[in-house]
Amino acid sequence: MGNSTGEAPSTPLHSVSVAGAVIRDDGRFLAIRRRDNGTWELPGGVLELDETPEDGVVREVREETGVLVKVDRLTGVYKNMARGIVALVFRCHPSGGREHPSSESTAVAWLTPEEVKERMTEVYSVRLLDALDSDAPHVRAHDGKHLHRAR
C-alpha cells in the first residue's frame, strides 16, 4: 500500500490491544481496578506478535484476573486517536479459574451494568455495554476520555 505524496511509504505507529468483555450468566461483567492509575477497566492488554487476537484475550484475562474464558465473538473496535492504540474487544464467558488481583490490578469484581456506568469512564464502560448489543461489532474512536461522536 502506498501513499499519495510520492514519498517512501511510512510505517504506521499503531499499537493493537485486546480486551475481554467477560459476562457471567447473571449478566455481571468482569472488571479490574488497575494498579497503575486506580481506574476500573475490563481486563486486557497489548497483543503479542505471535498470537491471535482470541488467544491474546484468553491470556490477558487469565493473567490479570485468574479467570479462564472462552471467546464468543468480536464486539467492538476502539481507537484512541491521541495515542494510536486500536483495541479489539471480544465478548467472552467464564469457563473456570478463580478471580484474584494480580501484579497489574488491585481488585477484581463482577459488576452490574449500572455499576459499570458508575465506576468506569465513558471509553471503557461503552466497551462492556456494546458487548450486550446484538448489532455488534461497533467501531468507535475516542480521545482517551470521551467518545468522538459520529458525524
C-alpha atoms as a PDB file:
ATOM      1  CA  MET A   1       0.000   0.000   0.000  1.00  0.00           C
ATOM      2  CA  GLY A   2       1.465   3.353  -0.948  1.00  0.00           C
ATOM      3  CA  ASN A   3       0.747   6.944  -0.186  1.00  0.00           C
ATOM      4  CA  SER A   4      -0.273   9.757  -2.486  1.00  0.00           C
ATOM      5  CA  THR A   5       2.722  12.014  -1.770  1.00  0.00           C
ATOM      6  CA  GLY A   6       5.207  10.066  -3.865  1.00  0.00           C
ATOM      7  CA  GLU A   7       7.490   9.729  -0.843  1.00  0.00           C
ATOM      8  CA  ALA A   8       8.642   6.408   0.561  1.00  0.00           C
ATOM      9  CA  PRO A   9       5.807   4.661   2.402  1.00  0.00           C
ATOM     10  CA  SER A  10       5.709   5.386   6.112  1.00  0.00           C
ATOM     11  CA  THR A  11       5.164   2.793   8.814  1.00  0.00           C
ATOM     12  CA  PRO A  12       2.037   3.466  10.866  1.00  0.00           C
ATOM     13  CA  LEU A  13       2.729   3.782  14.571  1.00  0.00           C
ATOM     14  CA  HIS A  14      -0.265   1.916  15.949  1.00  0.00           C
ATOM     15  CA  SER A  15      -0.440  -0.479  18.846  1.00  0.00           C
ATOM     16  CA  VAL A  16      -3.053  -3.246  18.971  1.00  0.00           C
ATOM     17  CA  SER A  17      -4.581  -4.280  22.264  1.00  0.00           C
ATOM     18  CA  VAL A  18      -7.221  -6.860  23.117  1.00  0.00           C
ATOM     19  CA  ALA A  19      -9.733  -6.927  25.947  1.00  0.00           C
ATOM     20  CA  GLY A  20     -12.352  -9.301  27.241  1.00  0.00           C
ATOM     21  CA  ALA A  21     -15.935  -8.280  27.920  1.00  0.00           C
ATOM     22  CA  VAL A  22     -16.445 -11.287  30.195  1.00  0.00           C
ATOM     23  CA  ILE A  23     -20.109 -11.779  31.053  1.00  0.00           C
ATOM     24  CA  ARG A  24     -21.470 -14.273  33.570  1.00  0.00           C
ATOM     25  CA  ASP A  25     -24.862 -15.962  33.195  1.00  0.00           C
ATOM     26  CA  ASP A  26     -26.291 -13.496  35.748  1.00  0.00           C
ATOM     27  CA  GLY A  27     -25.325 -10.550  33.484  1.00  0.00           C
ATOM     28  CA  ARG A  28     -22.403  -9.278  35.569  1.00  0.00           C
ATOM     29  CA  PHE A  29     -19.183  -8.102  33.893  1.00  0.00           C
ATOM     30  CA  LEU A  30     -15.634  -8.936  34.966  1.00  0.00           C
ATOM     31  CA  ALA A  31     -13.658  -5.769  35.744  1.00  0.00           C
ATOM     32  CA  ILE A  32     -10.320  -4.836  37.272  1.00  0.00           C
ATOM     33  CA  ARG A  33      -9.105  -1.793  39.172  1.00  0.00           C
ATOM     34  CA  ARG A  34      -5.726  -1.029  37.618  1.00  0.00           C
ATOM     35  CA  ARG A  35      -2.731  -0.865  39.936  1.00  0.00           C
ATOM     36  CA  ASP A  36      -1.003   1.950  37.995  1.00  0.00           C
ATOM     37  CA  ASN A  37      -3.828   4.507  37.933  1.00  0.00           C
ATOM     38  CA  GLY A  38      -6.696   3.141  40.056  1.00  0.00           C
ATOM     39  CA  THR A  39      -9.264   3.193  37.253  1.00  0.00           C
ATOM     40  CA  TRP A  40     -11.806   0.422  36.653  1.00  0.00           C
ATOM     41  CA  GLU A  41     -11.482  -1.227  33.240  1.00  0.00           C
ATOM     42  CA  LEU A  42     -12.083  -4.507  31.501  1.00  0.00           C
ATOM     43  CA  PRO A  43      -9.118  -6.901  31.537  1.00  0.00           C
ATOM     44  CA  GLY A  44      -6.825  -6.699  28.534  1.00  0.00           C
ATOM     45  CA  GLY A  45      -3.522  -5.577  27.149  1.00  0.00           C
ATOM     46  CA  VAL A  46      -1.145  -5.486  24.212  1.00  0.00           C
ATOM     47  CA  LEU A  47      -1.463  -8.264  21.653  1.00  0.00           C
ATOM     48  CA  GLU A  48       1.781 -10.223  21.272  1.00  0.00           C
ATOM     49  CA  LEU A  49       3.241 -10.534  17.756  1.00  0.00           C
ATOM     50  CA  ASP A  50       2.971 -14.324  17.727  1.00  0.00           C
ATOM     51  CA  GLU A  51      -0.623 -14.747  18.970  1.00  0.00           C
ATOM     52  CA  THR A  52      -4.096 -14.474  17.508  1.00  0.00           C
ATOM     53  CA  PRO A  53      -6.436 -11.840  18.949  1.00  0.00           C
ATOM     54  CA  GLU A  54      -8.549 -14.581  20.544  1.00  0.00           C
ATOM     55  CA  ASP A  55      -5.509 -16.204  22.179  1.00  0.00           C
ATOM     56  CA  GLY A  56      -4.394 -12.776  23.404  1.00  0.00           C
ATOM     57  CA  VAL A  57      -7.743 -12.151  25.105  1.00  0.00           C
ATOM     58  CA  VAL A  58      -7.638 -15.516  26.869  1.00  0.00           C
ATOM     59  CA  ARG A  59      -4.067 -14.848  28.054  1.00  0.00           C
ATOM     60  CA  GLU A  60      -4.695 -11.277  29.227  1.00  0.00           C
ATOM     61  CA  VAL A  61      -7.883 -12.114  31.146  1.00  0.00           C
ATOM     62  CA  ARG A  62      -6.176 -15.058  32.885  1.00  0.00           C
ATOM     63  CA  GLU A  63      -3.043 -13.015  33.733  1.00  0.00           C
ATOM     64  CA  GLU A  64      -4.967 -10.047  35.136  1.00  0.00           C
ATOM     65  CA  THR A  65      -7.844 -11.819  36.903  1.00  0.00           C
ATOM     66  CA  GLY A  66      -7.217 -15.571  37.271  1.00  0.00           C
ATOM     67  CA  VAL A  67     -10.422 -16.264  35.322  1.00  0.00           C
ATOM     68  CA  LEU A  68     -10.317 -18.677  32.375  1.00  0.00           C
ATOM     69  CA  VAL A  69     -12.547 -17.687  29.442  1.00  0.00           C
ATOM     70  CA  LYS A  70     -13.931 -18.914  26.164  1.00  0.00           C
ATOM     71  CA  VAL A  71     -14.169 -16.284  23.422  1.00  0.00           C
ATOM     72  CA  ASP A  72     -17.623 -15.838  21.867  1.00  0.00           C
ATOM     73  CA  ARG A  73     -17.266 -13.024  19.303  1.00  0.00           C
ATOM     74  CA  LEU A  74     -15.789  -9.641  18.441  1.00  0.00           C
ATOM     75  CA  THR A  75     -17.999  -6.864  19.832  1.00  0.00           C
ATOM     76  CA  GLY A  76     -16.034  -3.723  19.072  1.00  0.00           C
ATOM     77  CA  VAL A  77     -13.028  -1.929  17.631  1.00  0.00           C
ATOM     78  CA  TYR A  78     -11.981   1.207  19.531  1.00  0.00           C
ATOM     79  CA  LYS A  79      -9.261   3.645  18.508  1.00  0.00           C
ATOM     80  CA  ASN A  80      -7.613   6.033  20.918  1.00  0.00           C
ATOM     81  CA  MET A  81      -6.893   8.852  18.463  1.00  0.00           C
ATOM     82  CA  ALA A  82      -4.474  10.593  20.834  1.00  0.00           C
ATOM     83  CA  ARG A  83      -2.267   7.549  21.475  1.00  0.00           C
ATOM     84  CA  GLY A  84      -2.669   5.468  18.295  1.00  0.00           C
ATOM     85  CA  ILE A  85      -3.967   2.416  20.142  1.00  0.00           C
ATOM     86  CA  VAL A  86      -6.518   0.163  18.471  1.00  0.00           C
ATOM     87  CA  ALA A  87      -8.386  -2.068  20.930  1.00  0.00           C
ATOM     88  CA  LEU A  88     -10.252  -5.188  19.836  1.00  0.00           C
ATOM     89  CA  VAL A  89     -12.896  -6.195  22.377  1.00  0.00           C
ATOM     90  CA  PHE A  90     -14.304  -9.709  22.483  1.00  0.00           C
ATOM     91  CA  ARG A  91     -17.349 -10.953  24.344  1.00  0.00           C
ATOM     92  CA  CYS A  92     -16.312 -13.934  26.469  1.00  0.00           C
ATOM     93  CA  HIS A  93     -17.840 -16.215  29.066  1.00  0.00           C
ATOM     94  CA  PRO A  94     -16.053 -17.617  32.107  1.00  0.00           C
ATOM     95  CA  SER A  95     -15.011 -21.267  31.865  1.00  0.00           C
ATOM     96  CA  GLY A  96     -13.017 -21.776  35.069  1.00  0.00           C
ATOM     97  CA  GLY A  97     -10.431 -20.349  37.391  1.00  0.00           C
ATOM     98  CA  ARG A  98     -10.988 -18.083  40.355  1.00  0.00           C
ATOM     99  CA  GLU A  99     -10.795 -14.310  40.297  1.00  0.00           C
ATOM    100  CA  HIS A 100      -7.971 -12.614  42.177  1.00  0.00           C
ATOM    101  CA  PRO A 101      -5.920  -9.419  41.829  1.00  0.00           C
ATOM    102  CA  SER A 102      -2.589  -9.586  40.022  1.00  0.00           C
ATOM    103  CA  SER A 103       0.554  -7.523  39.639  1.00  0.00           C
ATOM    104  CA  GLU A 104      -1.487  -5.295  37.290  1.00  0.00           C
ATOM    105  CA  SER A 105      -4.672  -4.988  39.378  1.00  0.00           C
ATOM    106  CA  THR A 106      -5.599  -4.124  42.961  1.00  0.00           C
ATOM    107  CA  ALA A 107      -9.139  -5.506  42.727  1.00  0.00           C
ATOM    108  CA  VAL A 108     -11.224  -7.818  40.565  1.00  0.00           C
ATOM    109  CA  ALA A 109     -15.018  -7.627  40.667  1.00  0.00           C
ATOM    110  CA  TRP A 110     -18.147  -8.780  38.857  1.00  0.00           C
ATOM    111  CA  LEU A 111     -20.101  -5.571  38.172  1.00  0.00           C
ATOM    112  CA  THR A 112     -23.695  -4.967  37.141  1.00  0.00           C
ATOM    113  CA  PRO A 113     -24.265  -2.755  34.076  1.00  0.00           C
ATOM    114  CA  GLU A 114     -25.254   0.065  36.472  1.00  0.00           C
ATOM    115  CA  GLU A 115     -22.002  -0.327  38.426  1.00  0.00           C
ATOM    116  CA  VAL A 116     -20.050  -0.308  35.167  1.00  0.00           C
ATOM    117  CA  LYS A 117     -21.582   3.080  34.286  1.00  0.00           C
ATOM    118  CA  GLU A 118     -20.790   4.439  37.779  1.00  0.00           C
ATOM    119  CA  ARG A 119     -17.203   3.208  38.114  1.00  0.00           C
ATOM    120  CA  MET A 120     -15.803   3.386  34.584  1.00  0.00           C
ATOM    121  CA  THR A 121     -15.124   6.294  32.291  1.00  0.00           C
ATOM    122  CA  GLU A 122     -17.177   6.516  29.111  1.00  0.00           C
ATOM    123  CA  VAL A 123     -14.499   4.986  26.854  1.00  0.00           C
ATOM    124  CA  TYR A 124     -14.330   1.818  28.973  1.00  0.00           C
ATOM    125  CA  SER A 125     -17.965   1.418  30.009  1.00  0.00           C
ATOM    126  CA  VAL A 126     -19.110   1.601  26.373  1.00  0.00           C
ATOM    127  CA  ARG A 127     -16.876  -1.369  25.532  1.00  0.00           C
ATOM    128  CA  LEU A 128     -18.670  -3.558  28.052  1.00  0.00           C
ATOM    129  CA  LEU A 129     -22.127  -2.248  27.247  1.00  0.00           C
ATOM    130  CA  ASP A 130     -21.513  -2.689  23.487  1.00  0.00           C
ATOM    131  CA  ALA A 131     -20.919  -6.391  24.214  1.00  0.00           C
ATOM    132  CA  LEU A 132     -24.603  -6.701  25.144  1.00  0.00           C
ATOM    133  CA  ASP A 133     -25.712  -5.376  21.749  1.00  0.00           C
ATOM    134  CA  SER A 134     -26.602  -7.975  19.137  1.00  0.00           C
ATOM    135  CA  ASP A 135     -25.714  -5.462  16.379  1.00  0.00           C
ATOM    136  CA  ALA A 136     -22.026  -5.633  17.345  1.00  0.00           C
ATOM    137  CA  PRO A 137     -19.296  -5.173  16.361  1.00  0.00           C
ATOM    138  CA  HIS A 138     -19.195  -1.444  16.937  1.00  0.00           C
ATOM    139  CA  VAL A 139     -16.409   0.788  15.628  1.00  0.00           C
ATOM    140  CA  ARG A 140     -15.691   3.843  17.759  1.00  0.00           C
ATOM    141  CA  ALA A 141     -12.989   6.478  18.199  1.00  0.00           C
ATOM    142  CA  HIS A 142     -12.113   8.416  21.349  1.00  0.00           C
ATOM    143  CA  ASP A 143      -9.547  10.796  22.818  1.00  0.00           C
ATOM    144  CA  GLY A 144      -8.745   8.662  25.852  1.00  0.00           C
ATOM    145  CA  LYS A 145     -11.612  10.028  27.946  1.00  0.00           C
ATOM    146  CA  HIS A 146     -14.557  10.794  25.694  1.00  0.00           C
ATOM    147  CA  LEU A 147     -16.011   9.184  22.594  1.00  0.00           C
ATOM    148  CA  HIS A 148     -15.871  11.051  19.324  1.00  0.00           C
ATOM    149  CA  ARG A 149     -19.446  11.445  18.163  1.00  0.00           C
ATOM    150  CA  ALA A 150     -20.431  10.148  14.728  1.00  0.00           C
ATOM    151  CA  ARG A 151     -20.510  12.844  12.089  1.00  0.00           C
END
